[in-house]
Amino acid sequence: MTIPDPTPVTARIIAPVPLLRTGLEHIARMAGLTLVEAGTEARITLRSGRLTEPPSSSTVDLIAEDSSVTVTVHGIPDQDTWSSILTLLRQLLDPAQ
């Protein structure tokens, strides 16, 4: 039996323009994530695909661009993080849900 992690699933948002950042923040909040500031460790980094920054130190990077999402996993996510990733993917790829 896996014991759930009591800490919230955190996300850092990286986007080049304020409106895009606001949209990604909204999606992250809808997925139940706790947003953290740049430079703070986060389990998930959600970013715009139009950036040239290197991968983050997060367990998972999600790169949203047009109608696709690239998921890069740098370590084994816990159950809560996986659940949040699935919710993010649903929000990004099928916003009508």
PDB file of N, CA and C in Angstrom:
ATOM      1  N   MET A   1       0.837  -1.180   0.000  1.00  0.00           N
ATOM      2  CA  MET A   1       0.000   0.000   0.000  1.00  0.00           C
ATOM      3  C   MET A   1       0.883   1.245   0.000  1.00  0.00           C
ATOM      4  N   THR A   2       0.561   2.188  -0.872  1.00  0.00           N
ATOM      5  CA  THR A   2       1.316   3.428  -0.972  1.00  0.00           C
ATOM      6  C   THR A   2       0.693   4.479  -0.059  1.00  0.00           C
ATOM      7  N   ILE A   3       1.535   5.111   0.739  1.00  0.00           N
ATOM      8  CA  ILE A   3       1.060   6.180   1.623  1.00  0.00           C
ATOM      9  C   ILE A   3       1.092   7.480   0.831  1.00  0.00           C
ATOM     10  N   PRO A   4      -0.023   8.203   0.731  1.00  0.00           N
ATOM     11  CA  PRO A   4      -0.041   9.448  -0.033  1.00  0.00           C
ATOM     12  C   PRO A   4       0.873  10.503   0.587  1.00  0.00           C
ATOM     13  N   ASP A   5       1.488  11.298  -0.277  1.00  0.00           N
ATOM     14  CA  ASP A   5       2.342  12.395   0.158  1.00  0.00           C
ATOM     15  C   ASP A   5       1.442  13.549   0.583  1.00  0.00           C
ATOM     16  N   PRO A   6       1.576  14.055   1.829  1.00  0.00           N
ATOM     17  CA  PRO A   6       0.686  15.117   2.305  1.00  0.00           C
ATOM     18  C   PRO A   6       0.997  16.494   1.719  1.00  0.00           C
ATOM     19  N   THR A   7       2.141  16.637   1.053  1.00  0.00           N
ATOM     20  CA  THR A   7       2.486  17.946   0.492  1.00  0.00           C
ATOM     21  C   THR A   7       1.728  18.158  -0.821  1.00  0.00           C
ATOM     22  N   PRO A   8       1.364  19.386  -1.111  1.00  0.00           N
ATOM     23  CA  PRO A   8       0.619  19.644  -2.351  1.00  0.00           C
ATOM     24  C   PRO A   8       1.499  19.421  -3.579  1.00  0.00           C
ATOM     25  N   VAL A   9       0.852  19.091  -4.684  1.00  0.00           N
ATOM     26  CA  VAL A   9       1.575  18.971  -5.948  1.00  0.00           C
ATOM     27  C   VAL A   9       1.807  20.393  -6.454  1.00  0.00           C
ATOM     28  N   THR A  10       3.062  20.741  -6.630  1.00  0.00           N
ATOM     29  CA  THR A  10       3.430  22.102  -7.012  1.00  0.00           C
ATOM     30  C   THR A  10       3.766  22.181  -8.495  1.00  0.00           C
ATOM     31  N   ALA A  11       3.555  23.372  -9.049  1.00  0.00           N
ATOM     32  CA  ALA A  11       3.865  23.615 -10.454  1.00  0.00           C
ATOM     33  C   ALA A  11       4.495  24.989 -10.615  1.00  0.00           C
ATOM     34  N   ARG A  12       5.433  25.049 -11.516  1.00  0.00           N
ATOM     35  CA  ARG A  12       6.054  26.319 -11.906  1.00  0.00           C
ATOM     36  C   ARG A  12       5.630  26.562 -13.352  1.00  0.00           C
ATOM     37  N   ILE A  13       5.257  27.781 -13.669  1.00  0.00           N
ATOM     38  CA  ILE A  13       4.821  28.149 -15.012  1.00  0.00           C
ATOM     39  C   ILE A  13       5.910  28.976 -15.675  1.00  0.00           C
ATOM     40  N   ILE A  14       6.241  28.618 -16.919  1.00  0.00           N
ATOM     41  CA  ILE A  14       7.207  29.390 -17.693  1.00  0.00           C
ATOM     42  C   ILE A  14       6.558  29.725 -19.030  1.00  0.00           C
ATOM     43  N   ALA A  15       6.389  31.011 -19.287  1.00  0.00           N
ATOM     44  CA  ALA A  15       5.775  31.468 -20.533  1.00  0.00           C
ATOM     45  C   ALA A  15       6.355  32.832 -20.900  1.00  0.00           C
ATOM     46  N   PRO A  16       6.538  33.098 -22.196  1.00  0.00           N
ATOM     47  CA  PRO A  16       7.189  34.339 -22.613  1.00  0.00           C
ATOM     48  C   PRO A  16       6.306  35.591 -22.565  1.00  0.00           C
ATOM     49  N   VAL A  17       4.980  35.415 -22.578  1.00  0.00           N
ATOM     50  CA  VAL A  17       4.091  36.583 -22.565  1.00  0.00           C
ATOM     51  C   VAL A  17       3.067  36.440 -21.443  1.00  0.00           C
ATOM     52  N   PRO A  18       2.676  37.560 -20.838  1.00  0.00           N
ATOM     53  CA  PRO A  18       1.773  37.514 -19.683  1.00  0.00           C
ATOM     54  C   PRO A  18       0.444  36.796 -19.941  1.00  0.00           C
ATOM     55  N   LEU A  19      -0.172  37.000 -21.092  1.00  0.00           N
ATOM     56  CA  LEU A  19      -1.461  36.368 -21.362  1.00  0.00           C
ATOM     57  C   LEU A  19      -1.334  34.840 -21.426  1.00  0.00           C
ATOM     58  N   LEU A  20      -0.283  34.361 -22.048  1.00  0.00           N
ATOM     59  CA  LEU A  20      -0.037  32.923 -22.109  1.00  0.00           C
ATOM     60  C   LEU A  20       0.244  32.376 -20.711  1.00  0.00           C
ATOM     61  N   ARG A  21       1.030  33.107 -19.942  1.00  0.00           N
ATOM     62  CA  ARG A  21       1.320  32.702 -18.565  1.00  0.00           C
ATOM     63  C   ARG A  21       0.028  32.605 -17.743  1.00  0.00           C
ATOM     64  N   THR A  22      -0.839  33.601 -17.896  1.00  0.00           N
ATOM     65  CA  THR A  22      -2.111  33.610 -17.168  1.00  0.00           C
ATOM     66  C   THR A  22      -2.956  32.394 -17.548  1.00  0.00           C
ATOM     67  N   GLY A  23      -2.996  32.064 -18.824  1.00  0.00           N
ATOM     68  CA  GLY A  23      -3.746  30.896 -19.277  1.00  0.00           C
ATOM     69  C   GLY A  23      -3.201  29.601 -18.695  1.00  0.00           C
ATOM     70  N   LEU A  24      -1.877  29.442 -18.691  1.00  0.00           N
ATOM     71  CA  LEU A  24      -1.266  28.237 -18.123  1.00  0.00           C
ATOM     72  C   LEU A  24      -1.475  28.178 -16.608  1.00  0.00           C
ATOM     73  N   GLU A  25      -1.424  29.321 -15.942  1.00  0.00           N
ATOM     74  CA  GLU A  25      -1.696  29.358 -14.500  1.00  0.00           C
ATOM     75  C   GLU A  25      -3.130  28.915 -14.211  1.00  0.00           C
ATOM     76  N   HIS A  26      -4.069  29.374 -15.032  1.00  0.00           N
ATOM     77  CA  HIS A  26      -5.474  28.991 -14.858  1.00  0.00           C
ATOM     78  C   HIS A  26      -5.643  27.479 -15.019  1.00  0.00           C
ATOM     79  N   ILE A  27      -5.029  26.922 -16.035  1.00  0.00           N
ATOM     80  CA  ILE A  27      -5.106  25.475 -16.270  1.00  0.00           C
ATOM     81  C   ILE A  27      -4.507  24.715 -15.093  1.00  0.00           C
ATOM     82  N   ALA A  28      -3.380  25.181 -14.588  1.00  0.00           N
ATOM     83  CA  ALA A  28      -2.735  24.518 -13.448  1.00  0.00           C
ATOM     84  C   ALA A  28      -3.621  24.567 -12.210  1.00  0.00           C
ATOM     85  N   ARG A  29      -4.241  25.702 -11.968  1.00  0.00           N
ATOM     86  CA  ARG A  29      -5.142  25.822 -10.811  1.00  0.00           C
ATOM     87  C   ARG A  29      -6.359  24.917 -10.972  1.00  0.00           C
ATOM     88  N   MET A  30      -6.887  24.827 -12.193  1.00  0.00           N
ATOM     89  CA  MET A  30      -8.032  23.949 -12.465  1.00  0.00           C
ATOM     90  C   MET A  30      -7.663  22.480 -12.211  1.00  0.00           C
ATOM     91  N   ALA A  31      -6.385  22.164 -12.367  1.00  0.00           N
ATOM     92  CA  ALA A  31      -5.905  20.799 -12.121  1.00  0.00           C
ATOM     93  C   ALA A  31      -5.583  20.572 -10.645  1.00  0.00           C
ATOM     94  N   GLY A  32      -5.788  21.602  -9.818  1.00  0.00           N
ATOM     95  CA  GLY A  32      -5.562  21.468  -8.384  1.00  0.00           C
ATOM     96  C   GLY A  32      -4.123  21.637  -7.946  1.00  0.00           C
ATOM     97  N   LEU A  33      -3.296  22.211  -8.820  1.00  0.00           N
ATOM     98  CA  LEU A  33      -1.879  22.396  -8.481  1.00  0.00           C
ATOM     99  C   LEU A  33      -1.666  23.667  -7.667  1.00  0.00           C
ATOM    100  N   THR A  34      -0.631  23.660  -6.859  1.00  0.00           N
ATOM    101  CA  THR A  34      -0.208  24.830  -6.098  1.00  0.00           C
ATOM    102  C   THR A  34       0.920  25.486  -6.876  1.00  0.00           C
ATOM    103  N   LEU A  35       0.741  26.730  -7.283  1.00  0.00           N
ATOM    104  CA  LEU A  35       1.747  27.427  -8.088  1.00  0.00           C
ATOM    105  C   LEU A  35       2.862  27.975  -7.208  1.00  0.00           C
ATOM    106  N   VAL A  36       4.090  27.879  -7.735  1.00  0.00           N
ATOM    107  CA  VAL A  36       5.258  28.422  -7.037  1.00  0.00           C
ATOM    108  C   VAL A  36       5.967  29.400  -7.972  1.00  0.00           C
ATOM    109  N   GLU A  37       6.748  30.266  -7.382  1.00  0.00           N
ATOM    110  CA  GLU A  37       7.479  31.277  -8.138  1.00  0.00           C
ATOM    111  C   GLU A  37       8.688  30.676  -8.855  1.00  0.00           C
ATOM    112  N   ALA A  38       9.184  31.389  -9.843  1.00  0.00           N
ATOM    113  CA  ALA A  38      10.400  30.983 -10.558  1.00  0.00           C
ATOM    114  C   ALA A  38      11.538  30.815  -9.563  1.00  0.00           C
ATOM    115  N   GLY A  39      12.355  29.819  -9.773  1.00  0.00           N
ATOM    116  CA  GLY A  39      13.477  29.568  -8.877  1.00  0.00           C
ATOM    117  C   GLY A  39      13.132  28.671  -7.704  1.00  0.00           C
ATOM    118  N   THR A  40      11.844  28.372  -7.512  1.00  0.00           N
ATOM    119  CA  THR A  40      11.401  27.496  -6.436  1.00  0.00           C
ATOM    120  C   THR A  40      11.216  26.097  -7.001  1.00  0.00           C
ATOM    121  N   GLU A  41      11.601  25.089  -6.237  1.00  0.00           N
ATOM    122  CA  GLU A  41      11.419  23.709  -6.683  1.00  0.00           C
ATOM    123  C   GLU A  41       9.937  23.413  -6.872  1.00  0.00           C
ATOM    124  N   ALA A  42       9.628  22.680  -7.919  1.00  0.00           N
ATOM    125  CA  ALA A  42       8.246  22.272  -8.198  1.00  0.00           C
ATOM    126  C   ALA A  42       8.274  20.847  -8.739  1.00  0.00           C
ATOM    127  N   ARG A  43       7.200  20.109  -8.477  1.00  0.00           N
ATOM    128  CA  ARG A  43       7.116  18.745  -9.019  1.00  0.00           C
ATOM    129  C   ARG A  43       6.907  18.770 -10.523  1.00  0.00           C
ATOM    130  N   ILE A  44       6.146  19.776 -10.994  1.00  0.00           N
ATOM    131  CA  ILE A  44       5.819  19.883 -12.418  1.00  0.00           C
ATOM    132  C   ILE A  44       6.197  21.278 -12.912  1.00  0.00           C
ATOM    133  N   THR A  45       6.823  21.326 -14.086  1.00  0.00           N
ATOM    134  CA  THR A  45       7.018  22.597 -14.764  1.00  0.00           C
ATOM    135  C   THR A  45       6.144  22.568 -16.010  1.00  0.00           C
ATOM    136  N   LEU A  46       5.268  23.556 -16.119  1.00  0.00           N
ATOM    137  CA  LEU A  46       4.373  23.690 -17.266  1.00  0.00           C
ATOM    138  C   LEU A  46       4.849  24.901 -18.040  1.00  0.00           C
ATOM    139  N   ARG A  47       5.177  24.682 -19.305  1.00  0.00           N
ATOM    140  CA  ARG A  47       5.750  25.779 -20.081  1.00  0.00           C
ATOM    141  C   ARG A  47       5.178  25.836 -21.482  1.00  0.00           C
ATOM    142  N   SER A  48       5.362  26.996 -22.092  1.00  0.00           N
ATOM    143  CA  SER A  48       4.988  27.186 -23.485  1.00  0.00           C
ATOM    144  C   SER A  48       6.032  26.485 -24.338  1.00  0.00           C
ATOM    145  N   GLY A  49       5.604  25.912 -25.446  1.00  0.00           N
ATOM    146  CA  GLY A  49       6.540  25.220 -26.337  1.00  0.00           C
ATOM    147  C   GLY A  49       7.421  26.148 -27.134  1.00  0.00           C
ATOM    148  N   ARG A  50       7.180  27.423 -27.043  1.00  0.00           N
ATOM    149  CA  ARG A  50       7.945  28.381 -27.841  1.00  0.00           C
ATOM    150  C   ARG A  50       9.144  28.942 -27.084  1.00  0.00           C
ATOM    151  N   LEU A  51       9.634  28.204 -26.126  1.00  0.00           N
ATOM    152  CA  LEU A  51      10.788  28.646 -25.348  1.00  0.00           C
ATOM    153  C   LEU A  51      12.002  27.804 -25.705  1.00  0.00           C
ATOM    154  N   THR A  52      13.168  28.363 -25.517  1.00  0.00           N
ATOM    155  CA  THR A  52      14.391  27.627 -25.807  1.00  0.00           C
ATOM    156  C   THR A  52      15.160  27.289 -24.534  1.00  0.00           C
ATOM    157  N   GLU A  53      14.495  27.414 -23.390  1.00  0.00           N
ATOM    158  CA  GLU A  53      15.150  27.125 -22.114  1.00  0.00           C
ATOM    159  C   GLU A  53      15.421  25.629 -21.983  1.00  0.00           C
ATOM    160  N   PRO A  54      16.478  25.271 -21.252  1.00  0.00           N
ATOM    161  CA  PRO A  54      16.762  23.842 -21.028  1.00  0.00           C
ATOM    162  C   PRO A  54      15.718  23.216 -20.102  1.00  0.00           C
ATOM    163  N   PRO A  55      15.690  21.889 -20.030  1.00  0.00           N
ATOM    164  CA  PRO A  55      14.743  21.221 -19.130  1.00  0.00           C
ATOM    165  C   PRO A  55      14.905  21.717 -17.700  1.00  0.00           C
ATOM    166  N   SER A  56      13.827  21.640 -16.952  1.00  0.00           N
ATOM    167  CA  SER A  56      13.847  22.115 -15.573  1.00  0.00           C
ATOM    168  C   SER A  56      14.374  21.031 -14.635  1.00  0.00           C
ATOM    169  N   SER A  57      14.427  21.370 -13.362  1.00  0.00           N
ATOM    170  CA  SER A  57      14.827  20.393 -12.345  1.00  0.00           C
ATOM    171  C   SER A  57      13.609  19.683 -11.756  1.00  0.00           C
ATOM    172  N   SER A  58      12.432  19.950 -12.296  1.00  0.00           N
ATOM    173  CA  SER A  58      11.208  19.302 -11.823  1.00  0.00           C
ATOM    174  C   SER A  58      11.220  17.819 -12.177  1.00  0.00           C
ATOM    175  N   THR A  59      10.391  17.061 -11.484  1.00  0.00           N
ATOM    176  CA  THR A  59      10.246  15.647 -11.806  1.00  0.00           C
ATOM    177  C   THR A  59       9.681  15.483 -13.209  1.00  0.00           C
ATOM    178  N   VAL A  60       8.757  16.388 -13.585  1.00  0.00           N
ATOM    179  CA  VAL A  60       8.093  16.307 -14.888  1.00  0.00           C
ATOM    180  C   VAL A  60       8.049  17.688 -15.537  1.00  0.00           C
ATOM    181  N   ASP A  61       8.385  17.732 -16.834  1.00  0.00           N
ATOM    182  CA  ASP A  61       8.204  18.931 -17.658  1.00  0.00           C
ATOM    183  C   ASP A  61       7.056  18.666 -18.616  1.00  0.00           C
ATOM    184  N   LEU A  62       6.096  19.581 -18.684  1.00  0.00           N
ATOM    185  CA  LEU A  62       5.041  19.523 -19.687  1.00  0.00           C
ATOM    186  C   LEU A  62       5.208  20.741 -20.573  1.00  0.00           C
ATOM    187  N   ILE A  63       5.349  20.496 -21.859  1.00  0.00           N
ATOM    188  CA  ILE A  63       5.529  21.585 -22.813  1.00  0.00           C
ATOM    189  C   ILE A  63       4.299  21.618 -23.716  1.00  0.00           C
ATOM    190  N   ALA A  64       3.504  22.678 -23.583  1.00  0.00           N
ATOM    191  CA  ALA A  64       2.276  22.824 -24.364  1.00  0.00           C
ATOM    192  C   ALA A  64       2.543  23.709 -25.566  1.00  0.00           C
ATOM    193  N   GLU A  65       2.133  23.201 -26.737  1.00  0.00           N
ATOM    194  CA  GLU A  65       2.298  23.983 -27.956  1.00  0.00           C
ATOM    195  C   GLU A  65       1.189  23.614 -28.928  1.00  0.00           C
ATOM    196  N   ASP A  66       0.428  24.608 -29.346  1.00  0.00           N
ATOM    197  CA  ASP A  66      -0.680  24.413 -30.283  1.00  0.00           C
ATOM    198  C   ASP A  66      -1.576  23.272 -29.821  1.00  0.00           C
ATOM    199  N   SER A  67      -1.615  22.173 -30.550  1.00  0.00           N
ATOM    200  CA  SER A  67      -2.519  21.070 -30.198  1.00  0.00           C
ATOM    201  C   SER A  67      -1.772  19.839 -29.698  1.00  0.00           C
ATOM    202  N   SER A  68      -0.570  20.034 -29.161  1.00  0.00           N
ATOM    203  CA  SER A  68       0.187  18.902 -28.628  1.00  0.00           C
ATOM    204  C   SER A  68       0.847  19.270 -27.302  1.00  0.00           C
ATOM    205  N   VAL A  69       1.154  18.237 -26.529  1.00  0.00           N
ATOM    206  CA  VAL A  69       1.847  18.402 -25.257  1.00  0.00           C
ATOM    207  C   VAL A  69       2.968  17.375 -25.213  1.00  0.00           C
ATOM    208  N   THR A  70       4.168  17.826 -24.894  1.00  0.00           N
ATOM    209  CA  THR A  70       5.306  16.931 -24.724  1.00  0.00           C
ATOM    210  C   THR A  70       5.552  16.761 -23.237  1.00  0.00           C
ATOM    211  N   VAL A  71       5.624  15.511 -22.789  1.00  0.00           N
ATOM    212  CA  VAL A  71       5.864  15.217 -21.379  1.00  0.00           C
ATOM    213  C   VAL A  71       7.249  14.588 -21.268  1.00  0.00           C
ATOM    214  N   THR A  72       8.095  15.209 -20.441  1.00  0.00           N
ATOM    215  CA  THR A  72       9.429  14.670 -20.168  1.00  0.00           C
ATOM    216  C   THR A  72       9.500  14.341 -18.691  1.00  0.00           C
ATOM    217  N   VAL A  73       9.817  13.089 -18.394  1.00  0.00           N
ATOM    218  CA  VAL A  73       9.856  12.628 -17.008  1.00  0.00           C
ATOM    219  C   VAL A  73      11.316  12.447 -16.610  1.00  0.00           C
ATOM    220  N   HIS A  74      11.720  13.156 -15.535  1.00  0.00           N
ATOM    221  CA  HIS A  74      13.100  13.112 -15.060  1.00  0.00           C
ATOM    222  C   HIS A  74      13.278  12.207 -13.847  1.00  0.00           C
ATOM    223  N   GLY A  75      12.191  11.710 -13.303  1.00  0.00           N
ATOM    224  CA  GLY A  75      12.209  10.840 -12.133  1.00  0.00           C
ATOM    225  C   GLY A  75      10.840  10.196 -12.016  1.00  0.00           C
ATOM    226  N   ILE A  76      10.690   9.272 -11.107  1.00  0.00           N
ATOM    227  CA  ILE A  76       9.418   8.572 -10.964  1.00  0.00           C
ATOM    228  C   ILE A  76       8.454   9.430 -10.148  1.00  0.00           C
ATOM    229  N   PRO A  77       7.375   9.901 -10.771  1.00  0.00           N
ATOM    230  CA  PRO A  77       6.403  10.714 -10.047  1.00  0.00           C
ATOM    231  C   PRO A  77       5.574   9.864  -9.084  1.00  0.00           C
ATOM    232  N   ASP A  78       5.160  10.472  -7.993  1.00  0.00           N
ATOM    233  CA  ASP A  78       4.261   9.775  -7.067  1.00  0.00           C
ATOM    234  C   ASP A  78       2.850   9.780  -7.646  1.00  0.00           C
ATOM    235  N   GLN A  79       1.948   9.062  -7.008  1.00  0.00           N
ATOM    236  CA  GLN A  79       0.577   8.905  -7.499  1.00  0.00           C
ATOM    237  C   GLN A  79      -0.146  10.243  -7.659  1.00  0.00           C
ATOM    238  N   ASP A  80       0.009  11.153  -6.707  1.00  0.00           N
ATOM    239  CA  ASP A  80      -0.656  12.455  -6.782  1.00  0.00           C
ATOM    240  C   ASP A  80      -0.166  13.266  -7.982  1.00  0.00           C
ATOM    241  N   THR A  81       1.143  13.190  -8.235  1.00  0.00           N
ATOM    242  CA  THR A  81       1.709  13.913  -9.373  1.00  0.00           C
ATOM    243  C   THR A  81       1.185  13.332 -10.684  1.00  0.00           C
ATOM    244  N   TRP A  82       1.143  11.988 -10.796  1.00  0.00           N
ATOM    245  CA  TRP A  82       0.599  11.354 -12.011  1.00  0.00           C
ATOM    246  C   TRP A  82      -0.845  11.785 -12.236  1.00  0.00           C
ATOM    247  N   SER A  83      -1.625  11.806 -11.181  1.00  0.00           N
ATOM    248  CA  SER A  83      -3.022  12.212 -11.296  1.00  0.00           C
ATOM    249  C   SER A  83      -3.126  13.656 -11.782  1.00  0.00           C
ATOM    250  N   SER A  84      -2.268  14.520 -11.261  1.00  0.00           N
ATOM    251  CA  SER A  84      -2.261  15.927 -11.684  1.00  0.00           C
ATOM    252  C   SER A  84      -1.848  16.058 -13.148  1.00  0.00           C
ATOM    253  N   ILE A  85      -0.902  15.248 -13.577  1.00  0.00           N
ATOM    254  CA  ILE A  85      -0.457  15.272 -14.978  1.00  0.00           C
ATOM    255  C   ILE A  85      -1.619  14.893 -15.893  1.00  0.00           C
ATOM    256  N   LEU A  86      -2.354  13.853 -15.534  1.00  0.00           N
ATOM    257  CA  LEU A  86      -3.494  13.438 -16.338  1.00  0.00           C
ATOM    258  C   LEU A  86      -4.545  14.547 -16.415  1.00  0.00           C
ATOM    259  N   THR A  87      -4.801  15.197 -15.303  1.00  0.00           N
ATOM    260  CA  THR A  87      -5.762  16.300 -15.292  1.00  0.00           C
ATOM    261  C   THR A  87      -5.272  17.454 -16.162  1.00  0.00           C
ATOM    262  N   LEU A  88      -3.970  17.770 -16.086  1.00  0.00           N
ATOM    263  CA  LEU A  88      -3.400  18.820 -16.939  1.00  0.00           C
ATOM    264  C   LEU A  88      -3.552  18.461 -18.406  1.00  0.00           C
ATOM    265  N   LEU A  89      -3.255  17.219 -18.765  1.00  0.00           N
ATOM    266  CA  LEU A  89      -3.372  16.796 -20.165  1.00  0.00           C
ATOM    267  C   LEU A  89      -4.811  16.935 -20.658  1.00  0.00           C
ATOM    268  N   ARG A  90      -5.750  16.569 -19.822  1.00  0.00           N
ATOM    269  CA  ARG A  90      -7.161  16.726 -20.201  1.00  0.00           C
ATOM    270  C   ARG A  90      -7.500  18.199 -20.420  1.00  0.00           C
ATOM    271  N   GLN A  91      -7.016  19.077 -19.537  1.00  0.00           N
ATOM    272  CA  GLN A  91      -7.285  20.508 -19.661  1.00  0.00           C
ATOM    273  C   GLN A  91      -6.635  21.079 -20.925  1.00  0.00           C
ATOM    274  N   LEU A  92      -5.414  20.655 -21.224  1.00  0.00           N
ATOM    275  CA  LEU A  92      -4.688  21.199 -22.358  1.00  0.00           C
ATOM    276  C   LEU A  92      -5.181  20.661 -23.693  1.00  0.00           C
ATOM    277  N   LEU A  93      -5.528  19.376 -23.739  1.00  0.00           N
ATOM    278  CA  LEU A  93      -5.872  18.756 -25.017  1.00  0.00           C
ATOM    279  C   LEU A  93      -7.374  18.674 -25.282  1.00  0.00           C
ATOM    280  N   ASP A  94      -8.186  18.775 -24.254  1.00  0.00           N
ATOM    281  CA  ASP A  94      -9.633  18.713 -24.424  1.00  0.00           C
ATOM    282  C   ASP A  94     -10.301  19.677 -23.458  1.00  0.00           C
ATOM    283  N   PRO A  95     -10.135  20.992 -23.705  1.00  0.00           N
ATOM    284  CA  PRO A  95     -10.647  21.990 -22.755  1.00  0.00           C
ATOM    285  C   PRO A  95     -12.163  21.997 -22.619  1.00  0.00           C
ATOM    286  N   ALA A  96     -12.879  21.296 -23.504  1.00  0.00           N
ATOM    287  CA  ALA A  96     -14.334  21.266 -23.419  1.00  0.00           C
ATOM    288  C   ALA A  96     -14.813  20.375 -22.274  1.00  0.00           C
ATOM    289  N   GLN A  97     -13.941  19.584 -21.682  1.00  0.00           N
ATOM    290  CA  GLN A  97     -14.332  18.674 -20.599  1.00  0.00           C
ATOM    291  C   GLN A  97     -14.780  19.424 -19.379  1.00  0.00           C
TER     292      GLN A  97
END
